[in-house]
Structures are given as C-alpha cells and as structure tokens.
N, C-alpha and C. Protein backbone atom coordinates (compact mmCIF):
# COMPACT_ATOMS: atom_id res chain seq x y z
N MET A 1 -1.84 -1.16 3.44
CA MET A 1 -0.92 -1.93 4.54
C MET A 1 0.40 -1.71 4.05
N GLY A 2 0.41 -2.17 3.05
CA GLY A 2 2.05 -2.30 2.44
C GLY A 2 2.36 -0.75 1.91
N ALA A 3 1.45 -0.05 1.23
CA ALA A 3 2.20 1.26 1.39
C ALA A 3 2.52 1.97 2.09
N LYS A 4 1.64 2.06 3.28
CA LYS A 4 1.82 2.89 5.03
C LYS A 4 3.11 2.13 5.27
N ALA A 5 3.31 0.70 5.19
CA ALA A 5 4.38 0.42 5.71
C ALA A 5 5.91 0.82 5.21
N ILE A 6 5.63 1.28 3.50
CA ILE A 6 7.10 2.03 2.89
C ILE A 6 7.17 3.35 3.05
N ALA A 7 5.97 3.85 3.61
CA ALA A 7 6.02 5.06 4.32
C ALA A 7 6.72 5.26 5.63
N CYS A 8 6.61 4.53 6.57
CA CYS A 8 6.87 4.44 7.69
C CYS A 8 8.84 4.19 7.23
N GLY A 9 8.77 3.12 6.77
CA GLY A 9 10.26 2.76 6.15
C GLY A 9 11.10 4.10 6.06
N ALA A 10 10.43 4.74 5.00
CA ALA A 10 11.11 5.79 4.63
C ALA A 10 11.36 6.83 5.65
N THR A 11 10.42 7.46 6.15
CA THR A 11 10.77 8.62 7.02
C THR A 11 11.57 7.65 8.40
N GLY A 12 11.64 6.29 8.67
CA GLY A 12 12.83 5.91 9.84
C GLY A 12 14.18 5.97 9.06
N ALA A 13 14.46 5.72 7.95
CA ALA A 13 15.78 6.12 7.06
C ALA A 13 16.01 7.30 7.57
N ILE A 14 15.17 8.02 6.81
CA ILE A 14 15.69 9.86 7.09
C ILE A 14 15.95 10.30 8.26
N MET A 15 15.33 9.49 9.17
CA MET A 15 15.08 10.22 10.51
C MET A 15 16.83 10.11 11.07
N ARG A 16 17.04 8.52 10.94
CA ARG A 16 18.42 7.82 11.31
C ARG A 16 19.47 8.69 10.90
N GLY A 17 19.29 9.32 9.61
CA GLY A 17 20.59 10.00 9.24
C GLY A 17 21.37 9.14 8.79
N ASN A 18 21.53 8.34 8.54
CA ASN A 18 22.45 7.27 7.77
C ASN A 18 22.64 6.86 6.35
N ILE A 19 21.75 7.51 5.84
CA ILE A 19 21.95 7.24 4.41
C ILE A 19 22.56 8.78 3.72
N THR A 20 22.67 8.12 2.08
CA THR A 20 23.31 9.37 1.61
C THR A 20 22.27 10.18 0.77
N TYR A 21 22.41 11.25 0.47
CA TYR A 21 21.37 12.52 -0.13
C TYR A 21 20.44 11.51 -1.20
N LYS A 22 21.04 11.03 -2.26
CA LYS A 22 20.63 10.24 -3.30
C LYS A 22 19.35 8.98 -2.49
N GLN A 23 20.24 8.68 -1.30
CA GLN A 23 19.36 7.43 -1.16
C GLN A 23 17.89 8.19 -0.52
N GLU A 24 18.15 9.25 0.33
CA GLU A 24 16.91 9.62 0.86
C GLU A 24 15.90 10.24 -0.29
N ILE A 25 16.23 10.73 -1.06
CA ILE A 25 15.45 11.29 -2.53
C ILE A 25 14.95 9.54 -2.81
N ASP A 26 15.42 8.83 -3.04
CA ASP A 26 14.86 7.67 -3.69
C ASP A 26 13.85 7.26 -2.41
N GLN A 27 13.88 7.37 -1.28
CA GLN A 27 13.40 6.78 -0.20
C GLN A 27 11.90 7.33 0.02
N ILE A 28 11.99 9.01 -0.48
CA ILE A 28 10.91 9.81 -0.44
C ILE A 28 10.05 9.84 -1.72
N ALA A 29 10.58 9.36 -3.00
CA ALA A 29 10.33 9.05 -4.00
C ALA A 29 8.95 7.65 -3.82
N ALA A 30 9.87 6.97 -3.41
CA ALA A 30 9.11 5.56 -3.12
C ALA A 30 8.01 5.94 -2.13
N LYS A 31 7.92 6.67 -1.17
CA LYS A 31 6.89 7.11 -0.35
C LYS A 31 5.96 7.57 -1.21
N THR A 32 5.94 8.60 -1.96
CA THR A 32 5.32 9.57 -2.37
C THR A 32 4.35 8.52 -3.58
N ASP A 33 5.01 7.46 -4.51
CA ASP A 33 4.61 6.70 -5.75
C ASP A 33 3.73 5.37 -4.56
N ALA A 34 4.12 5.46 -2.90
CA ALA A 34 3.31 4.26 -2.41
C ALA A 34 2.00 4.80 -1.98
N ILE A 35 2.18 6.30 -1.92
CA ILE A 35 0.93 7.33 -1.39
C ILE A 35 0.00 7.16 -2.27
N ARG A 36 0.32 7.32 -3.56
CA ARG A 36 -0.15 7.69 -4.76
C ARG A 36 -1.11 6.25 -5.60
N GLY A 37 -0.43 5.27 -5.37
CA GLY A 37 -0.52 3.94 -5.77
C GLY A 37 -1.97 3.70 -4.51
N GLU A 38 -1.95 4.02 -3.25
CA GLU A 38 -2.94 3.60 -2.62
C GLU A 38 -4.15 4.57 -2.73
N ARG A 39 -4.09 5.82 -3.30
CA ARG A 39 -5.17 6.58 -3.50
C ARG A 39 -5.59 6.20 -4.41
N ARG A 40 -4.90 5.78 -5.26
CA ARG A 40 -5.56 5.05 -6.85
C ARG A 40 -6.34 3.81 -6.42
N ASN A 41 -5.78 2.78 -6.08
CA ASN A 41 -6.29 1.33 -5.58
C ASN A 41 -7.35 1.84 -4.77
N SER A 42 -7.54 2.89 -3.72
CA SER A 42 -9.06 3.10 -2.72
C SER A 42 -9.97 4.07 -3.43
N GLY A 43 -9.39 4.42 -4.73
CA GLY A 43 -10.43 5.21 -5.47
C GLY A 43 -10.68 6.77 -5.13
N TRP A 44 -9.81 7.49 -4.45
CA TRP A 44 -9.68 8.45 -4.33
C TRP A 44 -9.27 9.77 -5.60
N GLU A 45 -8.68 8.75 -6.45
CA GLU A 45 -8.70 9.71 -7.73
C GLU A 45 -9.59 9.40 -8.63
C-alpha cells in the first residue's frame, strides 16, 4: 500500500509540472526504490 501511494504521488507531481528537474529525478528514484522494495517484500526477487 505504502509503495503504491509513493508511486502515485511521484507520477502526480511530475504530471503537474510544478517541480524542478532535480525534484522530478528524486521522485522517480523514490518510486523506483518503492517498487523494488515492494517486490523484495513480496518475494518476487
């Protein structure tokens, strides 16, 4: 649940276009980390 919320939040921030490039990269990195963490926790990797 938490990882999905982070991913949705990152996508929303990018779509609004009101953040800097650096912040956008940070959001993408956070989303990627969340997805990786979710997979690790669910035993996919």
